[in-house]
Amino acid sequence: MAKKMDDLFDSIRVVLPEQRAAILENNEILGFEPRPEIDEEDFGEMCFRIYDSTQYNYPINVKWFVPQKGDHGTFESAWGVVREIDKKYERFKLVSDWESHWIQVRDLVSVKK
């Protein structure tokens, strides 16, 4: 009993609901990466490779950002040939032998031949 009286503040631990919510949100964000900044020159080159893939029917490797929590998320990658470009929704369809993806142009990270 004397120990609790000597160290009163160590035995009392109170976490407010706002603090708990902030801690949980911070822990969720720690598992995700921030959205990368892509400059205009690299973005133009990526769009050119996507358009070339539709014209000349050659496969490309695409890496894109998948938002999960605000501007934080994960990265996915796939390879294939671009079959469609949807100008209305600003996306394109990447098709490989076993899967296809609709990828938003604004989420592109890298495109390699």
PDB file of N, CA and C in Angstrom:
ATOM      1  N   MET A   1       0.818  -1.197   0.000  1.00  0.00           N
ATOM      2  CA  MET A   1       0.000   0.000   0.000  1.00  0.00           C
ATOM      3  C   MET A   1       0.856   1.254   0.000  1.00  0.00           C
ATOM      4  N   ALA A   2       1.965   1.204   0.701  1.00  0.00           N
ATOM      5  CA  ALA A   2       2.843   2.363   0.769  1.00  0.00           C
ATOM      6  C   ALA A   2       3.421   2.684  -0.595  1.00  0.00           C
ATOM      7  N   LYS A   3       3.638   1.660  -1.416  1.00  0.00           N
ATOM      8  CA  LYS A   3       4.200   1.889  -2.739  1.00  0.00           C
ATOM      9  C   LYS A   3       3.246   2.699  -3.615  1.00  0.00           C
ATOM     10  N   LYS A   4       1.941   2.416  -3.548  1.00  0.00           N
ATOM     11  CA  LYS A   4       0.980   3.176  -4.341  1.00  0.00           C
ATOM     12  C   LYS A   4       0.933   4.632  -3.901  1.00  0.00           C
ATOM     13  N   MET A   5       1.059   4.887  -2.644  1.00  0.00           N
ATOM     14  CA  MET A   5       1.030   6.267  -2.155  1.00  0.00           C
ATOM     15  C   MET A   5       2.286   7.019  -2.563  1.00  0.00           C
ATOM     16  N   ASP A   6       3.430   6.337  -2.636  1.00  0.00           N
ATOM     17  CA  ASP A   6       4.672   6.988  -3.043  1.00  0.00           C
ATOM     18  C   ASP A   6       4.674   7.320  -4.544  1.00  0.00           C
ATOM     19  N   ASP A   7       4.063   6.466  -5.328  1.00  0.00           N
ATOM     20  CA  ASP A   7       4.082   6.630  -6.776  1.00  0.00           C
ATOM     21  C   ASP A   7       2.648   6.738  -7.303  1.00  0.00           C
ATOM     22  N   LEU A   8       1.945   7.764  -6.874  1.00  0.00           N
ATOM     23  CA  LEU A   8       0.531   7.924  -7.181  1.00  0.00           C
ATOM     24  C   LEU A   8       0.265   8.106  -8.675  1.00  0.00           C
ATOM     25  N   PHE A   9       1.082   8.905  -9.368  1.00  0.00           N
ATOM     26  CA  PHE A   9       0.823   9.215 -10.770  1.00  0.00           C
ATOM     27  C   PHE A   9       1.172   8.051 -11.706  1.00  0.00           C
ATOM     28  N   ASP A  10       2.030   7.147 -11.274  1.00  0.00           N
ATOM     29  CA  ASP A  10       2.361   5.998 -12.106  1.00  0.00           C
ATOM     30  C   ASP A  10       1.235   4.967 -12.096  1.00  0.00           C
ATOM     31  N   SER A  11       0.486   4.900 -11.025  1.00  0.00           N
ATOM     32  CA  SER A  11      -0.575   3.901 -10.939  1.00  0.00           C
ATOM     33  C   SER A  11      -1.865   4.358 -11.605  1.00  0.00           C
ATOM     34  N   ILE A  12      -2.007   5.637 -11.898  1.00  0.00           N
ATOM     35  CA  ILE A  12      -3.203   6.155 -12.555  1.00  0.00           C
ATOM     36  C   ILE A  12      -2.911   6.348 -14.036  1.00  0.00           C
ATOM     37  N   ARG A  13      -3.663   5.634 -14.881  1.00  0.00           N
ATOM     38  CA  ARG A  13      -3.475   5.762 -16.323  1.00  0.00           C
ATOM     39  C   ARG A  13      -4.834   6.005 -16.947  1.00  0.00           C
ATOM     40  N   VAL A  14      -5.041   7.190 -17.454  1.00  0.00           N
ATOM     41  CA  VAL A  14      -6.307   7.561 -18.061  1.00  0.00           C
ATOM     42  C   VAL A  14      -6.044   7.957 -19.511  1.00  0.00           C
ATOM     43  N   VAL A  15      -6.793   7.355 -20.411  1.00  0.00           N
ATOM     44  CA  VAL A  15      -6.705   7.708 -21.820  1.00  0.00           C
ATOM     45  C   VAL A  15      -8.083   8.204 -22.246  1.00  0.00           C
ATOM     46  N   LEU A  16      -8.110   9.430 -22.709  1.00  0.00           N
ATOM     47  CA  LEU A  16      -9.368  10.014 -23.164  1.00  0.00           C
ATOM     48  C   LEU A  16      -9.804   9.360 -24.475  1.00  0.00           C
ATOM     49  N   PRO A  17     -11.101   9.330 -24.748  1.00  0.00           N
ATOM     50  CA  PRO A  17     -11.579   8.732 -26.006  1.00  0.00           C
ATOM     51  C   PRO A  17     -10.984   9.400 -27.244  1.00  0.00           C
ATOM     52  N   GLU A  18     -10.777  10.717 -27.188  1.00  0.00           N
ATOM     53  CA  GLU A  18     -10.179  11.419 -28.339  1.00  0.00           C
ATOM     54  C   GLU A  18      -8.742  10.969 -28.557  1.00  0.00           C
ATOM     55  N   GLN A  19      -8.013  10.771 -27.446  1.00  0.00           N
ATOM     56  CA  GLN A  19      -6.634  10.313 -27.560  1.00  0.00           C
ATOM     57  C   GLN A  19      -6.592   8.892 -28.127  1.00  0.00           C
ATOM     58  N   ARG A  20      -7.489   8.056 -27.665  1.00  0.00           N
ATOM     59  CA  ARG A  20      -7.530   6.673 -28.149  1.00  0.00           C
ATOM     60  C   ARG A  20      -7.831   6.645 -29.643  1.00  0.00           C
ATOM     61  N   ALA A  21      -8.780   7.457 -30.097  1.00  0.00           N
ATOM     62  CA  ALA A  21      -9.120   7.510 -31.525  1.00  0.00           C
ATOM     63  C   ALA A  21      -7.931   8.000 -32.343  1.00  0.00           C
ATOM     64  N   ALA A  22      -7.223   8.994 -31.839  1.00  0.00           N
ATOM     65  CA  ALA A  22      -6.046   9.516 -32.551  1.00  0.00           C
ATOM     66  C   ALA A  22      -4.940   8.469 -32.613  1.00  0.00           C
ATOM     67  N   ILE A  23      -4.749   7.729 -31.543  1.00  0.00           N
ATOM     68  CA  ILE A  23      -3.720   6.680 -31.524  1.00  0.00           C
ATOM     69  C   ILE A  23      -4.069   5.579 -32.516  1.00  0.00           C
ATOM     70  N   LEU A  24      -5.321   5.158 -32.552  1.00  0.00           N
ATOM     71  CA  LEU A  24      -5.738   4.111 -33.489  1.00  0.00           C
ATOM     72  C   LEU A  24      -5.606   4.567 -34.936  1.00  0.00           C
ATOM     73  N   GLU A  25      -5.970   5.808 -35.225  1.00  0.00           N
ATOM     74  CA  GLU A  25      -5.852   6.340 -36.582  1.00  0.00           C
ATOM     75  C   GLU A  25      -4.393   6.420 -37.007  1.00  0.00           C
ATOM     76  N   ASN A  26      -3.538   6.848 -36.080  1.00  0.00           N
ATOM     77  CA  ASN A  26      -2.109   6.929 -36.374  1.00  0.00           C
ATOM     78  C   ASN A  26      -1.542   5.539 -36.652  1.00  0.00           C
ATOM     79  N   ASN A  27      -1.960   4.547 -35.897  1.00  0.00           N
ATOM     80  CA  ASN A  27      -1.480   3.183 -36.115  1.00  0.00           C
ATOM     81  C   ASN A  27      -1.954   2.635 -37.454  1.00  0.00           C
ATOM     82  N   GLU A  28      -3.157   2.999 -37.892  1.00  0.00           N
ATOM     83  CA  GLU A  28      -3.637   2.580 -39.206  1.00  0.00           C
ATOM     84  C   GLU A  28      -2.796   3.194 -40.311  1.00  0.00           C
ATOM     85  N   ILE A  29      -2.479   4.467 -40.186  1.00  0.00           N
ATOM     86  CA  ILE A  29      -1.722   5.176 -41.221  1.00  0.00           C
ATOM     87  C   ILE A  29      -0.280   4.676 -41.293  1.00  0.00           C
ATOM     88  N   LEU A  30       0.262   4.193 -40.192  1.00  0.00           N
ATOM     89  CA  LEU A  30       1.648   3.728 -40.183  1.00  0.00           C
ATOM     90  C   LEU A  30       1.873   2.571 -41.158  1.00  0.00           C
ATOM     91  N   GLY A  31       0.871   1.772 -41.420  1.00  0.00           N
ATOM     92  CA  GLY A  31       1.010   0.647 -42.335  1.00  0.00           C
ATOM     93  C   GLY A  31       0.934   1.037 -43.798  1.00  0.00           C
ATOM     94  N   PHE A  32       0.605   2.266 -44.108  1.00  0.00           N
ATOM     95  CA  PHE A  32       0.429   2.710 -45.482  1.00  0.00           C
ATOM     96  C   PHE A  32       1.532   3.677 -45.885  1.00  0.00           C
ATOM     97  N   GLU A  33       1.700   3.811 -47.186  1.00  0.00           N
ATOM     98  CA  GLU A  33       2.680   4.737 -47.761  1.00  0.00           C
ATOM     99  C   GLU A  33       1.964   6.017 -48.198  1.00  0.00           C
ATOM    100  N   PRO A  34       2.646   7.165 -48.173  1.00  0.00           N
ATOM    101  CA  PRO A  34       2.015   8.395 -48.688  1.00  0.00           C
ATOM    102  C   PRO A  34       1.963   8.372 -50.223  1.00  0.00           C
ATOM    103  N   ARG A  35       1.037   9.140 -50.787  1.00  0.00           N
ATOM    104  CA  ARG A  35       0.920   9.233 -52.251  1.00  0.00           C
ATOM    105  C   ARG A  35       2.174   9.915 -52.803  1.00  0.00           C
ATOM    106  N   PRO A  36       2.831   9.302 -53.783  1.00  0.00           N
ATOM    107  CA  PRO A  36       4.055   9.897 -54.335  1.00  0.00           C
ATOM    108  C   PRO A  36       3.748  11.091 -55.234  1.00  0.00           C
ATOM    109  N   GLU A  37       4.695  11.997 -55.305  1.00  0.00           N
ATOM    110  CA  GLU A  37       4.598  13.159 -56.197  1.00  0.00           C
ATOM    111  C   GLU A  37       5.240  12.785 -57.537  1.00  0.00           C
ATOM    112  N   ILE A  38       4.503  12.960 -58.627  1.00  0.00           N
ATOM    113  CA  ILE A  38       5.002  12.654 -59.973  1.00  0.00           C
ATOM    114  C   ILE A  38       5.095  13.967 -60.742  1.00  0.00           C
ATOM    115  N   ASP A  39       6.283  14.260 -61.294  1.00  0.00           N
ATOM    116  CA  ASP A  39       6.409  15.502 -62.048  1.00  0.00           C
ATOM    117  C   ASP A  39       5.812  15.336 -63.450  1.00  0.00           C
ATOM    118  N   GLU A  40       5.582  16.451 -64.120  1.00  0.00           N
ATOM    119  CA  GLU A  40       4.870  16.460 -65.395  1.00  0.00           C
ATOM    120  C   GLU A  40       5.607  15.699 -66.492  1.00  0.00           C
ATOM    121  N   GLU A  41       6.926  15.794 -66.494  1.00  0.00           N
ATOM    122  CA  GLU A  41       7.706  15.118 -67.533  1.00  0.00           C
ATOM    123  C   GLU A  41       7.571  13.598 -67.416  1.00  0.00           C
ATOM    124  N   ASP A  42       7.679  13.068 -66.200  1.00  0.00           N
ATOM    125  CA  ASP A  42       7.521  11.623 -65.993  1.00  0.00           C
ATOM    126  C   ASP A  42       6.094  11.178 -66.292  1.00  0.00           C
ATOM    127  N   PHE A  43       5.119  12.002 -65.918  1.00  0.00           N
ATOM    128  CA  PHE A  43       3.721  11.670 -66.176  1.00  0.00           C
ATOM    129  C   PHE A  43       3.456  11.605 -67.678  1.00  0.00           C
ATOM    130  N   GLY A  44       4.008  12.553 -68.427  1.00  0.00           N
ATOM    131  CA  GLY A  44       3.853  12.551 -69.886  1.00  0.00           C
ATOM    132  C   GLY A  44       4.480  11.323 -70.525  1.00  0.00           C
ATOM    133  N   GLU A  45       5.647  10.925 -70.026  1.00  0.00           N
ATOM    134  CA  GLU A  45       6.308   9.735 -70.549  1.00  0.00           C
ATOM    135  C   GLU A  45       5.491   8.467 -70.261  1.00  0.00           C
ATOM    136  N   MET A  46       4.899   8.392 -69.064  1.00  0.00           N
ATOM    137  CA  MET A  46       4.075   7.236 -68.723  1.00  0.00           C
ATOM    138  C   MET A  46       2.851   7.153 -69.636  1.00  0.00           C
ATOM    139  N   CYS A  47       2.202   8.287 -69.876  1.00  0.00           N
ATOM    140  CA  CYS A  47       1.034   8.312 -70.762  1.00  0.00           C
ATOM    141  C   CYS A  47       1.414   7.925 -72.191  1.00  0.00           C
ATOM    142  N   PHE A  48       2.599   8.357 -72.635  1.00  0.00           N
ATOM    143  CA  PHE A  48       3.079   8.000 -73.970  1.00  0.00           C
ATOM    144  C   PHE A  48       3.275   6.493 -74.088  1.00  0.00           C
ATOM    145  N   ARG A  49       3.854   5.848 -73.060  1.00  0.00           N
ATOM    146  CA  ARG A  49       4.059   4.396 -73.095  1.00  0.00           C
ATOM    147  C   ARG A  49       2.735   3.641 -73.085  1.00  0.00           C
ATOM    148  N   ILE A  50       1.759   4.165 -72.341  1.00  0.00           N
ATOM    149  CA  ILE A  50       0.437   3.533 -72.319  1.00  0.00           C
ATOM    150  C   ILE A  50      -0.200   3.598 -73.702  1.00  0.00           C
ATOM    151  N   TYR A  51      -0.119   4.754 -74.335  1.00  0.00           N
ATOM    152  CA  TYR A  51      -0.692   4.909 -75.676  1.00  0.00           C
ATOM    153  C   TYR A  51       0.039   4.027 -76.682  1.00  0.00           C
ATOM    154  N   ASP A  52       1.364   3.932 -76.573  1.00  0.00           N
ATOM    155  CA  ASP A  52       2.133   3.058 -77.465  1.00  0.00           C
ATOM    156  C   ASP A  52       1.745   1.594 -77.294  1.00  0.00           C
ATOM    157  N   SER A  53       1.447   1.202 -76.069  1.00  0.00           N
ATOM    158  CA  SER A  53       1.045  -0.185 -75.818  1.00  0.00           C
ATOM    159  C   SER A  53      -0.261  -0.525 -76.538  1.00  0.00           C
ATOM    160  N   THR A  54      -1.164   0.447 -76.634  1.00  0.00           N
ATOM    161  CA  THR A  54      -2.411   0.191 -77.362  1.00  0.00           C
ATOM    162  C   THR A  54      -2.164   0.113 -78.864  1.00  0.00           C
ATOM    163  N   GLN A  55      -1.269   0.969 -79.363  1.00  0.00           N
ATOM    164  CA  GLN A  55      -1.027   1.005 -80.809  1.00  0.00           C
ATOM    165  C   GLN A  55      -0.224  -0.190 -81.301  1.00  0.00           C
ATOM    166  N   TYR A  56       0.880  -0.499 -80.597  1.00  0.00           N
ATOM    167  CA  TYR A  56       1.814  -1.514 -81.086  1.00  0.00           C
ATOM    168  C   TYR A  56       1.673  -2.854 -80.380  1.00  0.00           C
ATOM    169  N   ASN A  57       0.726  -2.964 -79.451  1.00  0.00           N
ATOM    170  CA  ASN A  57       0.382  -4.231 -78.818  1.00  0.00           C
ATOM    171  C   ASN A  57       1.574  -4.874 -78.092  1.00  0.00           C
ATOM    172  N   TYR A  58       2.337  -4.079 -77.337  1.00  0.00           N
ATOM    173  CA  TYR A  58       3.432  -4.667 -76.560  1.00  0.00           C
ATOM    174  C   TYR A  58       3.129  -4.519 -75.055  1.00  0.00           C
ATOM    175  N   PRO A  59       3.595  -5.488 -74.260  1.00  0.00           N
ATOM    176  CA  PRO A  59       3.297  -5.462 -72.821  1.00  0.00           C
ATOM    177  C   PRO A  59       4.135  -4.422 -72.072  1.00  0.00           C
ATOM    178  N   ILE A  60       3.553  -3.906 -70.998  1.00  0.00           N
ATOM    179  CA  ILE A  60       4.229  -2.949 -70.138  1.00  0.00           C
ATOM    180  C   ILE A  60       4.030  -3.368 -68.679  1.00  0.00           C
ATOM    181  N   ASN A  61       4.939  -2.913 -67.829  1.00  0.00           N
ATOM    182  CA  ASN A  61       4.809  -3.090 -66.376  1.00  0.00           C
ATOM    183  C   ASN A  61       4.283  -1.788 -65.802  1.00  0.00           C
ATOM    184  N   VAL A  62       3.200  -1.872 -65.042  1.00  0.00           N
ATOM    185  CA  VAL A  62       2.570  -0.681 -64.480  1.00  0.00           C
ATOM    186  C   VAL A  62       2.535  -0.812 -62.959  1.00  0.00           C
ATOM    187  N   LYS A  63       2.910   0.253 -62.284  1.00  0.00           N
ATOM    188  CA  LYS A  63       2.804   0.325 -60.831  1.00  0.00           C
ATOM    189  C   LYS A  63       1.901   1.508 -60.513  1.00  0.00           C
ATOM    190  N   TRP A  64       0.891   1.278 -59.653  1.00  0.00           N
ATOM    191  CA  TRP A  64      -0.048   2.342 -59.346  1.00  0.00           C
ATOM    192  C   TRP A  64      -0.344   2.373 -57.853  1.00  0.00           C
ATOM    193  N   PHE A  65      -0.872   3.510 -57.428  1.00  0.00           N
ATOM    194  CA  PHE A  65      -1.190   3.775 -56.028  1.00  0.00           C
ATOM    195  C   PHE A  65      -2.660   3.451 -55.772  1.00  0.00           C
ATOM    196  N   VAL A  66      -2.928   2.738 -54.667  1.00  0.00           N
ATOM    197  CA  VAL A  66      -4.300   2.411 -54.272  1.00  0.00           C
ATOM    198  C   VAL A  66      -4.593   3.132 -52.963  1.00  0.00           C
ATOM    199  N   PRO A  67      -5.397   4.211 -52.992  1.00  0.00           N
ATOM    200  CA  PRO A  67      -5.653   4.956 -51.749  1.00  0.00           C
ATOM    201  C   PRO A  67      -6.475   4.126 -50.761  1.00  0.00           C
ATOM    202  N   GLN A  68      -6.069   4.178 -49.493  1.00  0.00           N
ATOM    203  CA  GLN A  68      -6.767   3.456 -48.437  1.00  0.00           C
ATOM    204  C   GLN A  68      -7.338   4.403 -47.394  1.00  0.00           C
ATOM    205  N   LYS A  69      -6.525   5.358 -46.955  1.00  0.00           N
ATOM    206  CA  LYS A  69      -6.925   6.279 -45.885  1.00  0.00           C
ATOM    207  C   LYS A  69      -6.407   7.662 -46.259  1.00  0.00           C
ATOM    208  N   GLY A  70      -7.239   8.474 -46.885  1.00  0.00           N
ATOM    209  CA  GLY A  70      -6.816   9.812 -47.293  1.00  0.00           C
ATOM    210  C   GLY A  70      -5.764   9.734 -48.393  1.00  0.00           C
ATOM    211  N   ASP A  71      -4.619  10.374 -48.148  1.00  0.00           N
ATOM    212  CA  ASP A  71      -3.513  10.350 -49.104  1.00  0.00           C
ATOM    213  C   ASP A  71      -2.516   9.238 -48.805  1.00  0.00           C
ATOM    214  N   HIS A  72      -2.893   8.275 -48.005  1.00  0.00           N
ATOM    215  CA  HIS A  72      -2.042   7.132 -47.697  1.00  0.00           C
ATOM    216  C   HIS A  72      -2.680   5.873 -48.275  1.00  0.00           C
ATOM    217  N   GLY A  73      -1.834   4.960 -48.705  1.00  0.00           N
ATOM    218  CA  GLY A  73      -2.350   3.737 -49.290  1.00  0.00           C
ATOM    219  C   GLY A  73      -1.253   2.750 -49.594  1.00  0.00           C
ATOM    220  N   THR A  74      -1.529   1.859 -50.523  1.00  0.00           N
ATOM    221  CA  THR A  74      -0.579   0.826 -50.907  1.00  0.00           C
ATOM    222  C   THR A  74      -0.288   0.925 -52.402  1.00  0.00           C
ATOM    223  N   PHE A  75       0.707   0.174 -52.824  1.00  0.00           N
ATOM    224  CA  PHE A  75       1.075   0.124 -54.233  1.00  0.00           C
ATOM    225  C   PHE A  75       0.777  -1.256 -54.782  1.00  0.00           C
ATOM    226  N   GLU A  76       0.305  -1.299 -56.011  1.00  0.00           N
ATOM    227  CA  GLU A  76       0.097  -2.557 -56.718  1.00  0.00           C
ATOM    228  C   GLU A  76       0.807  -2.463 -58.057  1.00  0.00           C
ATOM    229  N   SER A  77       1.159  -3.604 -58.588  1.00  0.00           N
ATOM    230  CA  SER A  77       1.801  -3.611 -59.895  1.00  0.00           C
ATOM    231  C   SER A  77       1.297  -4.802 -60.706  1.00  0.00           C
ATOM    232  N   ALA A  78       1.363  -4.656 -61.999  1.00  0.00           N
ATOM    233  CA  ALA A  78       0.940  -5.711 -62.914  1.00  0.00           C
ATOM    234  C   ALA A  78       1.585  -5.454 -64.270  1.00  0.00           C
ATOM    235  N   TRP A  79       1.596  -6.470 -65.092  1.00  0.00           N
ATOM    236  CA  TRP A  79       2.069  -6.304 -66.463  1.00  0.00           C
ATOM    237  C   TRP A  79       0.976  -6.763 -67.401  1.00  0.00           C
ATOM    238  N   GLY A  80       1.019  -6.251 -68.602  1.00  0.00           N
ATOM    239  CA  GLY A  80       0.043  -6.635 -69.606  1.00  0.00           C
ATOM    240  C   GLY A  80       0.027  -5.635 -70.750  1.00  0.00           C
ATOM    241  N   VAL A  81      -0.949  -5.785 -71.598  1.00  0.00           N
ATOM    242  CA  VAL A  81      -1.127  -4.916 -72.757  1.00  0.00           C
ATOM    243  C   VAL A  81      -2.347  -4.041 -72.501  1.00  0.00           C
ATOM    244  N   VAL A  82      -2.240  -2.782 -72.844  1.00  0.00           N
ATOM    245  CA  VAL A  82      -3.368  -1.864 -72.675  1.00  0.00           C
ATOM    246  C   VAL A  82      -4.354  -2.111 -73.821  1.00  0.00           C
ATOM    247  N   ARG A  83      -5.592  -2.473 -73.460  1.00  0.00           N
ATOM    248  CA  ARG A  83      -6.610  -2.791 -74.469  1.00  0.00           C
ATOM    249  C   ARG A  83      -7.585  -1.650 -74.694  1.00  0.00           C
ATOM    250  N   GLU A  84      -7.884  -0.887 -73.643  1.00  0.00           N
ATOM    251  CA  GLU A  84      -8.857   0.203 -73.772  1.00  0.00           C
ATOM    252  C   GLU A  84      -8.369   1.420 -73.005  1.00  0.00           C
ATOM    253  N   ILE A  85      -8.713   2.590 -73.507  1.00  0.00           N
ATOM    254  CA  ILE A  85      -8.493   3.839 -72.783  1.00  0.00           C
ATOM    255  C   ILE A  85      -9.847   4.521 -72.677  1.00  0.00           C
ATOM    256  N   ASP A  86     -10.281   4.770 -71.446  1.00  0.00           N
ATOM    257  CA  ASP A  86     -11.574   5.394 -71.187  1.00  0.00           C
ATOM    258  C   ASP A  86     -11.331   6.858 -70.836  1.00  0.00           C
ATOM    259  N   LYS A  87     -11.564   7.750 -71.795  1.00  0.00           N
ATOM    260  CA  LYS A  87     -11.298   9.176 -71.585  1.00  0.00           C
ATOM    261  C   LYS A  87     -12.279   9.810 -70.606  1.00  0.00           C
ATOM    262  N   LYS A  88     -13.495   9.317 -70.577  1.00  0.00           N
ATOM    263  CA  LYS A  88     -14.514   9.904 -69.712  1.00  0.00           C
ATOM    264  C   LYS A  88     -14.145   9.752 -68.236  1.00  0.00           C
ATOM    265  N   TYR A  89     -13.713   8.560 -67.850  1.00  0.00           N
ATOM    266  CA  TYR A  89     -13.362   8.302 -66.449  1.00  0.00           C
ATOM    267  C   TYR A  89     -11.860   8.365 -66.178  1.00  0.00           C
ATOM    268  N   GLU A  90     -11.074   8.727 -67.195  1.00  0.00           N
ATOM    269  CA  GLU A  90      -9.622   8.869 -67.096  1.00  0.00           C
ATOM    270  C   GLU A  90      -8.976   7.616 -66.526  1.00  0.00           C
ATOM    271  N   ARG A  91      -9.175   6.508 -67.211  1.00  0.00           N
ATOM    272  CA  ARG A  91      -8.617   5.237 -66.795  1.00  0.00           C
ATOM    273  C   ARG A  91      -8.307   4.407 -68.025  1.00  0.00           C
ATOM    274  N   PHE A  92      -7.558   3.317 -67.823  1.00  0.00           N
ATOM    275  CA  PHE A  92      -7.248   2.413 -68.917  1.00  0.00           C
ATOM    276  C   PHE A  92      -7.311   0.978 -68.415  1.00  0.00           C
ATOM    277  N   LYS A  93      -7.500   0.056 -69.364  1.00  0.00           N
ATOM    278  CA  LYS A  93      -7.631  -1.362 -69.021  1.00  0.00           C
ATOM    279  C   LYS A  93      -6.343  -2.085 -69.398  1.00  0.00           C
ATOM    280  N   LEU A  94      -5.693  -2.654 -68.378  1.00  0.00           N
ATOM    281  CA  LEU A  94      -4.473  -3.430 -68.567  1.00  0.00           C
ATOM    282  C   LEU A  94      -4.852  -4.906 -68.507  1.00  0.00           C
ATOM    283  N   VAL A  95      -4.568  -5.636 -69.586  1.00  0.00           N
ATOM    284  CA  VAL A  95      -4.985  -7.039 -69.690  1.00  0.00           C
ATOM    285  C   VAL A  95      -3.752  -7.922 -69.828  1.00  0.00           C
ATOM    286  N   SER A  96      -3.686  -8.965 -68.974  1.00  0.00           N
ATOM    287  CA  SER A  96      -2.634  -9.973 -69.094  1.00  0.00           C
ATOM    288  C   SER A  96      -3.300 -11.312 -69.390  1.00  0.00           C
ATOM    289  N   ASP A  97      -2.542 -12.399 -69.322  1.00  0.00           N
ATOM    290  CA  ASP A  97      -3.081 -13.719 -69.648  1.00  0.00           C
ATOM    291  C   ASP A  97      -4.142 -14.173 -68.652  1.00  0.00           C
ATOM    292  N   TRP A  98      -4.022 -13.786 -67.398  1.00  0.00           N
ATOM    293  CA  TRP A  98      -4.919 -14.313 -66.367  1.00  0.00           C
ATOM    294  C   TRP A  98      -5.748 -13.273 -65.640  1.00  0.00           C
ATOM    295  N   GLU A  99      -5.527 -11.985 -65.861  1.00  0.00           N
ATOM    296  CA  GLU A  99      -6.312 -10.966 -65.160  1.00  0.00           C
ATOM    297  C   GLU A  99      -6.347  -9.665 -65.960  1.00  0.00           C
ATOM    298  N   SER A 100      -7.249  -8.784 -65.536  1.00  0.00           N
ATOM    299  CA  SER A 100      -7.303  -7.448 -66.125  1.00  0.00           C
ATOM    300  C   SER A 100      -7.583  -6.439 -65.014  1.00  0.00           C
ATOM    301  N   HIS A 101      -7.096  -5.222 -65.209  1.00  0.00           N
ATOM    302  CA  HIS A 101      -7.257  -4.149 -64.225  1.00  0.00           C
ATOM    303  C   HIS A 101      -7.686  -2.876 -64.928  1.00  0.00           C
ATOM    304  N   TRP A 102      -8.635  -2.166 -64.320  1.00  0.00           N
ATOM    305  CA  TRP A 102      -8.925  -0.801 -64.722  1.00  0.00           C
ATOM    306  C   TRP A 102      -8.110   0.092 -63.791  1.00  0.00           C
ATOM    307  N   ILE A 103      -7.218   0.888 -64.340  1.00  0.00           N
ATOM    308  CA  ILE A 103      -6.293   1.707 -63.552  1.00  0.00           C
ATOM    309  C   ILE A 103      -6.572   3.173 -63.829  1.00  0.00           C
ATOM    310  N   GLN A 104      -6.729   3.951 -62.769  1.00  0.00           N
ATOM    311  CA  GLN A 104      -6.921   5.396 -62.894  1.00  0.00           C
ATOM    312  C   GLN A 104      -5.592   6.043 -63.306  1.00  0.00           C
ATOM    313  N   VAL A 105      -5.640   6.958 -64.244  1.00  0.00           N
ATOM    314  CA  VAL A 105      -4.430   7.616 -64.730  1.00  0.00           C
ATOM    315  C   VAL A 105      -3.784   8.453 -63.618  1.00  0.00           C
ATOM    316  N   ARG A 106      -4.590   9.080 -62.764  1.00  0.00           N
ATOM    317  CA  ARG A 106      -4.033   9.926 -61.699  1.00  0.00           C
ATOM    318  C   ARG A 106      -3.291   9.120 -60.635  1.00  0.00           C
ATOM    319  N   ASP A 107      -3.501   7.781 -60.593  1.00  0.00           N
ATOM    320  CA  ASP A 107      -2.851   6.941 -59.592  1.00  0.00           C
ATOM    321  C   ASP A 107      -1.562   6.299 -60.093  1.00  0.00           C
ATOM    322  N   LEU A 108      -1.134   6.588 -61.324  1.00  0.00           N
ATOM    323  CA  LEU A 108       0.076   5.987 -61.870  1.00  0.00           C
ATOM    324  C   LEU A 108       1.301   6.390 -61.066  1.00  0.00           C
ATOM    325  N   VAL A 109       2.198   5.417 -60.879  1.00  0.00           N
ATOM    326  CA  VAL A 109       3.476   5.674 -60.219  1.00  0.00           C
ATOM    327  C   VAL A 109       4.612   5.451 -61.206  1.00  0.00           C
ATOM    328  N   SER A 110       4.575   4.329 -61.938  1.00  0.00           N
ATOM    329  CA  SER A 110       5.598   4.093 -62.952  1.00  0.00           C
ATOM    330  C   SER A 110       5.055   3.163 -64.039  1.00  0.00           C
ATOM    331  N   VAL A 111       5.568   3.349 -65.246  1.00  0.00           N
ATOM    332  CA  VAL A 111       5.241   2.518 -66.395  1.00  0.00           C
ATOM    333  C   VAL A 111       6.555   2.197 -67.086  1.00  0.00           C
ATOM    334  N   LYS A 112       6.849   0.893 -67.219  1.00  0.00           N
ATOM    335  CA  LYS A 112       8.107   0.461 -67.859  1.00  0.00           C
ATOM    336  C   LYS A 112       7.811  -0.524 -68.961  1.00  0.00           C
ATOM    337  N   LYS A 113       8.620  -0.455 -69.997  1.00  0.00           N
ATOM    338  CA  LYS A 113       8.474  -1.334 -71.162  1.00  0.00           C
ATOM    339  C   LYS A 113       9.072  -2.675 -70.882  1.00  0.00           C
TER     340      LYS A 113
END
